């Protein structure tokens, strides 16, 4: 059986992943609509970064996309 703390942690990570994917998607759509050529792919590298870091992870991905 999974301890209660562990299940809370798993649910938090999964919730951050889903919300992070949605944020990246809508930011991509909005930025492309207004003519900014920055695009972040939703893949096996971006999902763990957003899941662990949250909003700062999204900012990190966009900063890397702009300056890389």
PDB file of N, CA and C in Angstrom:
ATOM      1  N   UNK A   1       0.842  -1.185   0.000  1.00  0.00           N
ATOM      2  CA  UNK A   1       0.000   0.000   0.000  1.00  0.00           C
ATOM      3  C   UNK A   1       0.889   1.250   0.000  1.00  0.00           C
ATOM      4  N   UNK A   2       0.463   2.255  -0.725  1.00  0.00           N
ATOM      5  CA  UNK A   2       1.215   3.509  -0.822  1.00  0.00           C
ATOM      6  C   UNK A   2       0.885   4.385   0.384  1.00  0.00           C
ATOM      7  N   UNK A   3       1.922   4.867   1.086  1.00  0.00           N
ATOM      8  CA  UNK A   3       1.662   5.762   2.219  1.00  0.00           C
ATOM      9  C   UNK A   3       0.958   7.040   1.767  1.00  0.00           C
ATOM     10  N   UNK A   4       0.256   7.659   2.693  1.00  0.00           N
ATOM     11  CA  UNK A   4      -0.542   8.844   2.373  1.00  0.00           C
ATOM     12  C   UNK A   4       0.316   9.997   1.846  1.00  0.00           C
ATOM     13  N   UNK A   5       1.477  10.215   2.441  1.00  0.00           N
ATOM     14  CA  UNK A   5       2.371  11.287   1.974  1.00  0.00           C
ATOM     15  C   UNK A   5       2.819  11.036   0.535  1.00  0.00           C
ATOM     16  N   UNK A   6       3.129   9.779   0.226  1.00  0.00           N
ATOM     17  CA  UNK A   6       3.598   9.425  -1.115  1.00  0.00           C
ATOM     18  C   UNK A   6       2.484   9.638  -2.137  1.00  0.00           C
ATOM     19  N   UNK A   7       1.258   9.285  -1.799  1.00  0.00           N
ATOM     20  CA  UNK A   7       0.159   9.472  -2.749  1.00  0.00           C
ATOM     21  C   UNK A   7      -0.120  10.957  -2.971  1.00  0.00           C
ATOM     22  N   UNK A   8       0.010  11.779  -1.930  1.00  0.00           N
ATOM     23  CA  UNK A   8      -0.146  13.231  -2.099  1.00  0.00           C
ATOM     24  C   UNK A   8       0.918  13.775  -3.039  1.00  0.00           C
ATOM     25  N   UNK A   9       2.133  13.298  -2.883  1.00  0.00           N
ATOM     26  CA  UNK A   9       3.248  13.747  -3.713  1.00  0.00           C
ATOM     27  C   UNK A   9       3.023  13.363  -5.173  1.00  0.00           C
ATOM     28  N   UNK A  10       2.571  12.149  -5.414  1.00  0.00           N
ATOM     29  CA  UNK A  10       2.307  11.683  -6.784  1.00  0.00           C
ATOM     30  C   UNK A  10       1.191  12.489  -7.422  1.00  0.00           C
ATOM     31  N   UNK A  11       0.128  12.740  -6.663  1.00  0.00           N
ATOM     32  CA  UNK A  11      -0.991  13.534  -7.194  1.00  0.00           C
ATOM     33  C   UNK A  11      -0.533  14.957  -7.517  1.00  0.00           C
ATOM     34  N   UNK A  12       0.303  15.539  -6.663  1.00  0.00           N
ATOM     35  CA  UNK A  12       0.818  16.891  -6.908  1.00  0.00           C
ATOM     36  C   UNK A  12       1.652  16.941  -8.184  1.00  0.00           C
ATOM     37  N   UNK A  13       2.522  15.962  -8.371  1.00  0.00           N
ATOM     38  CA  UNK A  13       3.367  15.931  -9.570  1.00  0.00           C
ATOM     39  C   UNK A  13       2.509  15.762 -10.816  1.00  0.00           C
ATOM     40  N   UNK A  14       1.529  14.879 -10.779  1.00  0.00           N
ATOM     41  CA  UNK A  14       0.657  14.669 -11.941  1.00  0.00           C
ATOM     42  C   UNK A  14      -0.177  15.905 -12.245  1.00  0.00           C
ATOM     43  N   UNK A  15      -0.672  16.566 -11.209  1.00  0.00           N
ATOM     44  CA  UNK A  15      -1.454  17.790 -11.411  1.00  0.00           C
ATOM     45  C   UNK A  15      -0.591  18.896 -12.009  1.00  0.00           C
ATOM     46  N   UNK A  16       0.640  19.036 -11.516  1.00  0.00           N
ATOM     47  CA  UNK A  16       1.555  20.025 -12.089  1.00  0.00           C
ATOM     48  C   UNK A  16       1.857  19.713 -13.551  1.00  0.00           C
ATOM     49  N   UNK A  17       2.011  18.426 -13.867  1.00  0.00           N
ATOM     50  CA  UNK A  17       2.305  18.040 -15.251  1.00  0.00           C
ATOM     51  C   UNK A  17       1.157  18.434 -16.169  1.00  0.00           C
ATOM     52  N   UNK A  18      -0.076  18.119 -15.776  1.00  0.00           N
ATOM     53  CA  UNK A  18      -1.233  18.436 -16.616  1.00  0.00           C
ATOM     54  C   UNK A  18      -1.395  19.945 -16.766  1.00  0.00           C
ATOM     55  N   UNK A  19      -1.317  20.675 -15.659  1.00  0.00           N
ATOM     56  CA  UNK A  19      -1.466  22.133 -15.734  1.00  0.00           C
ATOM     57  C   UNK A  19      -0.309  22.773 -16.501  1.00  0.00           C
ATOM     58  N   UNK A  20       0.887  22.232 -16.353  1.00  0.00           N
ATOM     59  CA  UNK A  20       2.033  22.749 -17.094  1.00  0.00           C
ATOM     60  C   UNK A  20       1.886  22.542 -18.592  1.00  0.00           C
ATOM     61  N   UNK A  21       1.401  21.366 -18.986  1.00  0.00           N
ATOM     62  CA  UNK A  21       1.167  21.092 -20.408  1.00  0.00           C
ATOM     63  C   UNK A  21       0.130  22.058 -20.967  1.00  0.00           C
ATOM     64  N   UNK A  22      -0.929  22.287 -20.216  1.00  0.00           N
ATOM     65  CA  UNK A  22      -1.957  23.232 -20.675  1.00  0.00           C
ATOM     66  C   UNK A  22      -1.391  24.650 -20.781  1.00  0.00           C
ATOM     67  N   UNK A  23      -0.608  25.070 -19.797  1.00  0.00           N
ATOM     68  CA  UNK A  23      -0.006  26.410 -19.851  1.00  0.00           C
ATOM     69  C   UNK A  23       0.914  26.553 -21.055  1.00  0.00           C
ATOM     70  N   UNK A  24       1.757  25.551 -21.290  1.00  0.00           N
ATOM     71  CA  UNK A  24       2.659  25.613 -22.440  1.00  0.00           C
ATOM     72  C   UNK A  24       1.864  25.679 -23.735  1.00  0.00           C
ATOM     73  N   UNK A  25       0.824  24.866 -23.832  1.00  0.00           N
ATOM     74  CA  UNK A  25       0.013  24.865 -25.064  1.00  0.00           C
ATOM     75  C   UNK A  25      -0.605  26.243 -25.314  1.00  0.00           C
ATOM     76  N   UNK A  26      -1.254  26.800 -24.293  1.00  0.00           N
ATOM     77  CA  UNK A  26      -1.930  28.088 -24.487  1.00  0.00           C
ATOM     78  C   UNK A  26      -0.939  29.231 -24.673  1.00  0.00           C
ATOM     79  N   UNK A  27       0.211  29.167 -24.027  1.00  0.00           N
ATOM     80  CA  UNK A  27       1.246  30.174 -24.281  1.00  0.00           C
ATOM     81  C   UNK A  27       1.764  30.072 -25.716  1.00  0.00           C
ATOM     82  N   UNK A  28       1.977  28.848 -26.189  1.00  0.00           N
ATOM     83  CA  UNK A  28       2.408  28.668 -27.578  1.00  0.00           C
ATOM     84  C   UNK A  28       1.395  29.257 -28.551  1.00  0.00           C
ATOM     85  N   UNK A  29       0.120  28.951 -28.332  1.00  0.00           N
ATOM     86  CA  UNK A  29      -0.934  29.466 -29.222  1.00  0.00           C
ATOM     87  C   UNK A  29      -0.976  30.992 -29.177  1.00  0.00           C
ATOM     88  N   UNK A  30      -0.914  31.557 -27.974  1.00  0.00           N
ATOM     89  CA  UNK A  30      -0.961  33.011 -27.837  1.00  0.00           C
ATOM     90  C   UNK A  30       0.245  33.705 -28.434  1.00  0.00           C
ATOM     91  N   UNK A  31       1.427  33.159 -28.208  1.00  0.00           N
ATOM     92  CA  UNK A  31       2.627  33.791 -28.749  1.00  0.00           C
ATOM     93  C   UNK A  31       2.668  33.703 -30.270  1.00  0.00           C
ATOM     94  N   UNK A  32       2.265  32.583 -30.818  1.00  0.00           N
ATOM     95  CA  UNK A  32       2.240  32.444 -32.277  1.00  0.00           C
ATOM     96  C   UNK A  32       1.196  33.384 -32.877  1.00  0.00           C
ATOM     97  N   UNK A  33       0.058  33.532 -32.200  1.00  0.00           N
ATOM     98  CA  UNK A  33      -0.998  34.424 -32.691  1.00  0.00           C
ATOM     99  C   UNK A  33      -0.510  35.872 -32.781  1.00  0.00           C
ATOM    100  N   UNK A  34       0.333  36.282 -31.829  1.00  0.00           N
ATOM    101  CA  UNK A  34       0.821  37.657 -31.819  1.00  0.00           C
ATOM    102  C   UNK A  34       2.162  37.828 -32.522  1.00  0.00           C
ATOM    103  N   UNK A  35       2.615  36.785 -33.218  1.00  0.00           N
ATOM    104  CA  UNK A  35       3.780  36.925 -34.076  1.00  0.00           C
ATOM    105  C   UNK A  35       5.123  36.611 -33.456  1.00  0.00           C
ATOM    106  N   UNK A  36       5.145  36.072 -32.251  1.00  0.00           N
ATOM    107  CA  UNK A  36       6.418  35.689 -31.643  1.00  0.00           C
ATOM    108  C   UNK A  36       6.762  34.268 -32.076  1.00  0.00           C
ATOM    109  N   UNK A  37       7.934  34.055 -32.632  1.00  0.00           N
ATOM    110  CA  UNK A  37       8.265  32.743 -33.190  1.00  0.00           C
ATOM    111  C   UNK A  37       8.752  31.720 -32.163  1.00  0.00           C
ATOM    112  N   UNK A  38       8.565  31.982 -30.889  1.00  0.00           N
ATOM    113  CA  UNK A  38       9.024  31.056 -29.854  1.00  0.00           C
ATOM    114  C   UNK A  38       8.003  29.941 -29.669  1.00  0.00           C
ATOM    115  N   UNK A  39       8.478  28.696 -29.732  1.00  0.00           N
ATOM    116  CA  UNK A  39       7.601  27.544 -29.593  1.00  0.00           C
ATOM    117  C   UNK A  39       8.275  26.515 -28.701  1.00  0.00           C
ATOM    118  N   UNK A  40       7.566  26.041 -27.698  1.00  0.00           N
ATOM    119  CA  UNK A  40       8.063  24.990 -26.806  1.00  0.00           C
ATOM    120  C   UNK A  40       7.295  23.716 -27.126  1.00  0.00           C
ATOM    121  N   UNK A  41       8.019  22.668 -27.444  1.00  0.00           N
ATOM    122  CA  UNK A  41       7.374  21.391 -27.705  1.00  0.00           C
ATOM    123  C   UNK A  41       6.992  20.698 -26.407  1.00  0.00           C
ATOM    124  N   UNK A  42       5.896  19.972 -26.453  1.00  0.00           N
ATOM    125  CA  UNK A  42       5.475  19.175 -25.301  1.00  0.00           C
ATOM    126  C   UNK A  42       6.024  17.773 -25.540  1.00  0.00           C
ATOM    127  N   UNK A  43       7.055  17.412 -24.791  1.00  0.00           N
ATOM    128  CA  UNK A  43       7.735  16.142 -25.019  1.00  0.00           C
ATOM    129  C   UNK A  43       8.261  15.572 -23.709  1.00  0.00           C
ATOM    130  N   UNK A  44       9.065  14.513 -23.807  1.00  0.00           N
ATOM    131  CA  UNK A  44       9.549  13.824 -22.609  1.00  0.00           C
ATOM    132  C   UNK A  44      10.556  14.648 -21.820  1.00  0.00           C
ATOM    133  N   UNK A  45      11.065  15.728 -22.368  1.00  0.00           N
ATOM    134  CA  UNK A  45      12.001  16.590 -21.644  1.00  0.00           C
ATOM    135  C   UNK A  45      11.284  17.745 -20.956  1.00  0.00           C
ATOM    136  N   UNK A  46      10.283  18.304 -21.602  1.00  0.00           N
ATOM    137  CA  UNK A  46       9.600  19.456 -21.020  1.00  0.00           C
ATOM    138  C   UNK A  46       8.622  19.063 -19.913  1.00  0.00           C
ATOM    139  N   UNK A  47       7.998  17.911 -20.011  1.00  0.00           N
ATOM    140  CA  UNK A  47       7.010  17.511 -19.002  1.00  0.00           C
ATOM    141  C   UNK A  47       7.652  17.311 -17.620  1.00  0.00           C
ATOM    142  N   UNK A  48       8.772  16.577 -17.493  1.00  0.00           N
ATOM    143  CA  UNK A  48       9.366  16.466 -16.147  1.00  0.00           C
ATOM    144  C   UNK A  48       9.874  17.796 -15.589  1.00  0.00           C
ATOM    145  N   UNK A  49      10.381  18.661 -16.449  1.00  0.00           N
ATOM    146  CA  UNK A  49      10.861  19.964 -15.977  1.00  0.00           C
ATOM    147  C   UNK A  49       9.709  20.764 -15.391  1.00  0.00           C
ATOM    148  N   UNK A  50       8.580  20.782 -16.102  1.00  0.00           N
ATOM    149  CA  UNK A  50       7.413  21.520 -15.621  1.00  0.00           C
ATOM    150  C   UNK A  50       6.804  20.833 -14.401  1.00  0.00           C
ATOM    151  N   UNK A  51       6.811  19.511 -14.374  1.00  0.00           N
ATOM    152  CA  UNK A  51       6.234  18.786 -13.248  1.00  0.00           C
ATOM    153  C   UNK A  51       6.994  19.054 -11.959  1.00  0.00           C
ATOM    154  N   UNK A  52       8.291  19.119 -12.037  1.00  0.00           N
ATOM    155  CA  UNK A  52       9.103  19.296 -10.836  1.00  0.00           C
ATOM    156  C   UNK A  52       9.223  20.765 -10.446  1.00  0.00           C
ATOM    157  N   UNK A  53       9.448  21.637 -11.423  1.00  0.00           N
ATOM    158  CA  UNK A  53       9.697  23.049 -11.114  1.00  0.00           C
ATOM    159  C   UNK A  53       8.448  23.926 -11.123  1.00  0.00           C
ATOM    160  N   UNK A  54       7.397  23.509 -11.803  1.00  0.00           N
ATOM    161  CA  UNK A  54       6.176  24.305 -11.857  1.00  0.00           C
ATOM    162  C   UNK A  54       6.309  25.502 -12.787  1.00  0.00           C
ATOM    163  N   UNK A  55       5.795  26.652 -12.353  1.00  0.00           N
ATOM    164  CA  UNK A  55       5.821  27.863 -13.176  1.00  0.00           C
ATOM    165  C   UNK A  55       7.252  28.307 -13.501  1.00  0.00           C
ATOM    166  N   UNK A  56       8.186  28.254 -12.556  1.00  0.00           N
ATOM    167  CA  UNK A  56       9.570  28.585 -12.934  1.00  0.00           C
ATOM    168  C   UNK A  56      10.120  27.665 -14.023  1.00  0.00           C
ATOM    169  N   UNK A  57       9.646  26.427 -14.075  1.00  0.00           N
ATOM    170  CA  UNK A  57      10.058  25.507 -15.134  1.00  0.00           C
ATOM    171  C   UNK A  57       9.566  25.953 -16.497  1.00  0.00           C
ATOM    172  N   UNK A  58       8.349  26.486 -16.541  1.00  0.00           N
ATOM    173  CA  UNK A  58       7.823  27.015 -17.799  1.00  0.00           C
ATOM    174  C   UNK A  58       8.662  28.211 -18.235  1.00  0.00           C
ATOM    175  N   UNK A  59       8.968  29.096 -17.289  1.00  0.00           N
ATOM    176  CA  UNK A  59       9.821  30.238 -17.605  1.00  0.00           C
ATOM    177  C   UNK A  59      11.196  29.811 -18.085  1.00  0.00           C
ATOM    178  N   UNK A  60      11.760  28.794 -17.446  1.00  0.00           N
ATOM    179  CA  UNK A  60      13.066  28.276 -17.856  1.00  0.00           C
ATOM    180  C   UNK A  60      13.030  27.754 -19.280  1.00  0.00           C
ATOM    181  N   UNK A  61      11.994  27.024 -19.632  1.00  0.00           N
ATOM    182  CA  UNK A  61      11.883  26.484 -20.991  1.00  0.00           C
ATOM    183  C   UNK A  61      11.779  27.601 -22.025  1.00  0.00           C
ATOM    184  N   UNK A  62      11.001  28.634 -21.725  1.00  0.00           N
ATOM    185  CA  UNK A  62      10.875  29.741 -22.675  1.00  0.00           C
ATOM    186  C   UNK A  62      12.165  30.550 -22.774  1.00  0.00           C
ATOM    187  N   UNK A  63      12.861  30.732 -21.667  1.00  0.00           N
ATOM    188  CA  UNK A  63      14.141  31.434 -21.719  1.00  0.00           C
ATOM    189  C   UNK A  63      15.145  30.644 -22.553  1.00  0.00           C
ATOM    190  N   UNK A  64      15.181  29.336 -22.360  1.00  0.00           N
ATOM    191  CA  UNK A  64      16.075  28.506 -23.161  1.00  0.00           C
ATOM    192  C   UNK A  64      15.698  28.547 -24.632  1.00  0.00           C
ATOM    193  N   UNK A  65      14.394  28.563 -24.934  1.00  0.00           N
ATOM    194  CA  UNK A  65      13.957  28.610 -26.325  1.00  0.00           C
ATOM    195  C   UNK A  65      14.330  29.942 -26.985  1.00  0.00           C
ATOM    196  N   UNK A  66      14.280  31.018 -26.227  1.00  0.00           N
ATOM    197  CA  UNK A  66      14.598  32.325 -26.790  1.00  0.00           C
ATOM    198  C   UNK A  66      16.089  32.470 -27.033  1.00  0.00           C
ATOM    199  N   UNK A  67      16.912  32.051 -26.081  1.00  0.00           N
ATOM    200  CA  UNK A  67      18.343  32.307 -26.153  1.00  0.00           C
ATOM    201  C   UNK A  67      19.167  31.150 -26.717  1.00  0.00           C
ATOM    202  N   UNK A  68      18.575  30.012 -26.941  1.00  0.00           N
ATOM    203  CA  UNK A  68      19.346  28.875 -27.430  1.00  0.00           C
ATOM    204  C   UNK A  68      19.554  28.979 -28.892  1.00  0.00           C
TER     205      UNK A  68
END
